[in-house]
Amino acid sequence: MKTRAILKLGLDGERTGRSLLSVLAPDNRVLPRGLLLSVRGAAGEATFNVQSSSASTTLSTVLALLRDIELFQEVWLLSHREDGRDRRA
């Protein structure tokens, strides 16, 4: 039996998407046997497709991705704000 999970993220622009994917890419180059992970980025969206023969592996991979994405979001927001205001403003 194979399990599959698709995680779609709405992103705040293409720059955010490129940064997120570049940060996650080094961690996801070598995968355990039987685990497939594909990542696709488009303007304002990132899609992660996780597939494994084990439901627990699929779920734990998605949870790990969500933790990494949450950490990225915290760092991204802190690095792009100054005194509580958006630096781009």
C-alpha atoms as a PDB file:
ATOM      1  CA  MET A   1       0.000   0.000   0.000  1.00  0.00           C
ATOM      2  CA  LYS A   2       1.245   3.461  -0.856  1.00  0.00           C
ATOM      3  CA  THR A   3       0.244   6.613   0.943  1.00  0.00           C
ATOM      4  CA  ARG A   4       0.414  10.070  -0.505  1.00  0.00           C
ATOM      5  CA  ALA A   5       0.019  13.551   0.907  1.00  0.00           C
ATOM      6  CA  ILE A   6      -0.022  16.811  -0.988  1.00  0.00           C
ATOM      7  CA  LEU A   7       0.751  20.004   0.895  1.00  0.00           C
ATOM      8  CA  LYS A   8      -0.016  23.271  -0.896  1.00  0.00           C
ATOM      9  CA  LEU A   9       1.138  26.577   0.513  1.00  0.00           C
ATOM     10  CA  GLY A  10      -0.014  30.017  -0.481  1.00  0.00           C
ATOM     11  CA  LEU A  11       3.016  32.299  -0.331  1.00  0.00           C
ATOM     12  CA  ASP A  12       3.498  36.016  -0.105  1.00  0.00           C
ATOM     13  CA  GLY A  13       5.044  36.450  -3.536  1.00  0.00           C
ATOM     14  CA  GLU A  14       7.614  34.799  -5.746  1.00  0.00           C
ATOM     15  CA  ARG A  15      10.583  35.999  -3.689  1.00  0.00           C
ATOM     16  CA  THR A  16       9.244  34.271  -0.577  1.00  0.00           C
ATOM     17  CA  GLY A  17       8.693  31.075  -2.550  1.00  0.00           C
ATOM     18  CA  ARG A  18      12.212  31.036  -3.970  1.00  0.00           C
ATOM     19  CA  SER A  19      13.673  31.624  -0.517  1.00  0.00           C
ATOM     20  CA  LEU A  20      11.558  28.915   1.105  1.00  0.00           C
ATOM     21  CA  LEU A  21      12.449  26.333  -1.529  1.00  0.00           C
ATOM     22  CA  SER A  22      16.154  27.197  -1.372  1.00  0.00           C
ATOM     23  CA  VAL A  23      16.145  26.830   2.414  1.00  0.00           C
ATOM     24  CA  LEU A  24      14.349  23.472   2.353  1.00  0.00           C
ATOM     25  CA  ALA A  25      16.252  21.968  -0.581  1.00  0.00           C
ATOM     26  CA  PRO A  26      19.513  21.087   1.237  1.00  0.00           C
ATOM     27  CA  ASP A  27      17.616  19.019   3.846  1.00  0.00           C
ATOM     28  CA  ASN A  28      15.678  17.045   1.278  1.00  0.00           C
ATOM     29  CA  ARG A  29      18.292  15.844  -1.193  1.00  0.00           C
ATOM     30  CA  VAL A  30      18.905  12.361   0.197  1.00  0.00           C
ATOM     31  CA  LEU A  31      15.706  10.601   1.223  1.00  0.00           C
ATOM     32  CA  PRO A  32      15.161   7.292   2.995  1.00  0.00           C
ATOM     33  CA  ARG A  33      14.472   4.298   0.808  1.00  0.00           C
ATOM     34  CA  GLY A  34      10.846   4.141  -0.297  1.00  0.00           C
ATOM     35  CA  LEU A  35      10.130   7.826   0.318  1.00  0.00           C
ATOM     36  CA  LEU A  36       9.422  10.085  -2.641  1.00  0.00           C
ATOM     37  CA  LEU A  37       9.280  13.838  -2.261  1.00  0.00           C
ATOM     38  CA  SER A  38       8.716  16.287  -5.061  1.00  0.00           C
ATOM     39  CA  VAL A  39       8.495  20.025  -4.691  1.00  0.00           C
ATOM     40  CA  ARG A  40       7.075  22.439  -7.210  1.00  0.00           C
ATOM     41  CA  GLY A  41       7.043  26.189  -6.944  1.00  0.00           C
ATOM     42  CA  ALA A  42       4.947  28.630  -8.897  1.00  0.00           C
ATOM     43  CA  ALA A  43       4.191  32.291  -8.406  1.00  0.00           C
ATOM     44  CA  GLY A  44       2.712  32.584  -4.941  1.00  0.00           C
ATOM     45  CA  GLU A  45       2.456  28.837  -4.315  1.00  0.00           C
ATOM     46  CA  ALA A  46       4.573  25.845  -3.309  1.00  0.00           C
ATOM     47  CA  THR A  47       3.376  22.250  -3.591  1.00  0.00           C
ATOM     48  CA  PHE A  48       4.978  19.354  -1.752  1.00  0.00           C
ATOM     49  CA  ASN A  49       4.063  15.831  -2.875  1.00  0.00           C
ATOM     50  CA  VAL A  50       5.055  13.137  -0.360  1.00  0.00           C
ATOM     51  CA  GLN A  51       4.664   9.434  -1.126  1.00  0.00           C
ATOM     52  CA  SER A  52       5.703   6.339   0.801  1.00  0.00           C
ATOM     53  CA  SER A  53       4.709   2.730   1.355  1.00  0.00           C
ATOM     54  CA  SER A  54       4.259   3.592   5.028  1.00  0.00           C
ATOM     55  CA  ALA A  55       1.516   5.932   6.225  1.00  0.00           C
ATOM     56  CA  SER A  56       3.576   6.881   9.284  1.00  0.00           C
ATOM     57  CA  THR A  57       6.546   7.850   7.097  1.00  0.00           C
ATOM     58  CA  THR A  58       4.328  10.007   4.893  1.00  0.00           C
ATOM     59  CA  LEU A  59       2.755  11.704   7.894  1.00  0.00           C
ATOM     60  CA  SER A  60       6.028  12.261   9.738  1.00  0.00           C
ATOM     61  CA  THR A  61       7.572  13.746   6.582  1.00  0.00           C
ATOM     62  CA  VAL A  62       4.673  16.184   6.198  1.00  0.00           C
ATOM     63  CA  LEU A  63       4.943  17.142   9.885  1.00  0.00           C
ATOM     64  CA  ALA A  64       8.694  17.712   9.503  1.00  0.00           C
ATOM     65  CA  LEU A  65       8.041  19.902   6.454  1.00  0.00           C
ATOM     66  CA  LEU A  66       5.459  21.906   8.394  1.00  0.00           C
ATOM     67  CA  ARG A  67       7.923  22.450  11.277  1.00  0.00           C
ATOM     68  CA  ASP A  68      10.609  23.622   8.838  1.00  0.00           C
ATOM     69  CA  ILE A  69       8.127  25.901   7.063  1.00  0.00           C
ATOM     70  CA  GLU A  70       7.018  27.389  10.380  1.00  0.00           C
ATOM     71  CA  LEU A  71      10.636  28.079  11.350  1.00  0.00           C
ATOM     72  CA  PHE A  72      11.268  29.638   7.936  1.00  0.00           C
ATOM     73  CA  GLN A  73       8.215  31.860   8.409  1.00  0.00           C
ATOM     74  CA  GLU A  74       9.410  33.086  11.804  1.00  0.00           C
ATOM     75  CA  VAL A  75      12.912  33.858  10.528  1.00  0.00           C
ATOM     76  CA  TRP A  76      11.570  35.421   7.312  1.00  0.00           C
ATOM     77  CA  LEU A  77       9.229  37.724   9.200  1.00  0.00           C
ATOM     78  CA  LEU A  78      11.921  38.770  11.672  1.00  0.00           C
ATOM     79  CA  SER A  79      14.459  39.453   8.941  1.00  0.00           C
ATOM     80  CA  HIS A  80      12.020  41.504   6.857  1.00  0.00           C
ATOM     81  CA  ARG A  81      10.643  43.709   9.582  1.00  0.00           C
ATOM     82  CA  GLU A  82      12.185  46.601  11.426  1.00  0.00           C
ATOM     83  CA  ASP A  83      10.647  47.911  14.632  1.00  0.00           C
ATOM     84  CA  GLY A  84       7.464  45.970  13.885  1.00  0.00           C
ATOM     85  CA  ARG A  85       7.100  47.493  10.413  1.00  0.00           C
ATOM     86  CA  ASP A  86       7.672  45.876   7.071  1.00  0.00           C
ATOM     87  CA  ARG A  87      11.035  46.971   5.602  1.00  0.00           C
ATOM     88  CA  ARG A  88       9.558  47.104   2.105  1.00  0.00           C
ATOM     89  CA  ALA A  89       7.093  49.819   3.099  1.00  0.00           C
END
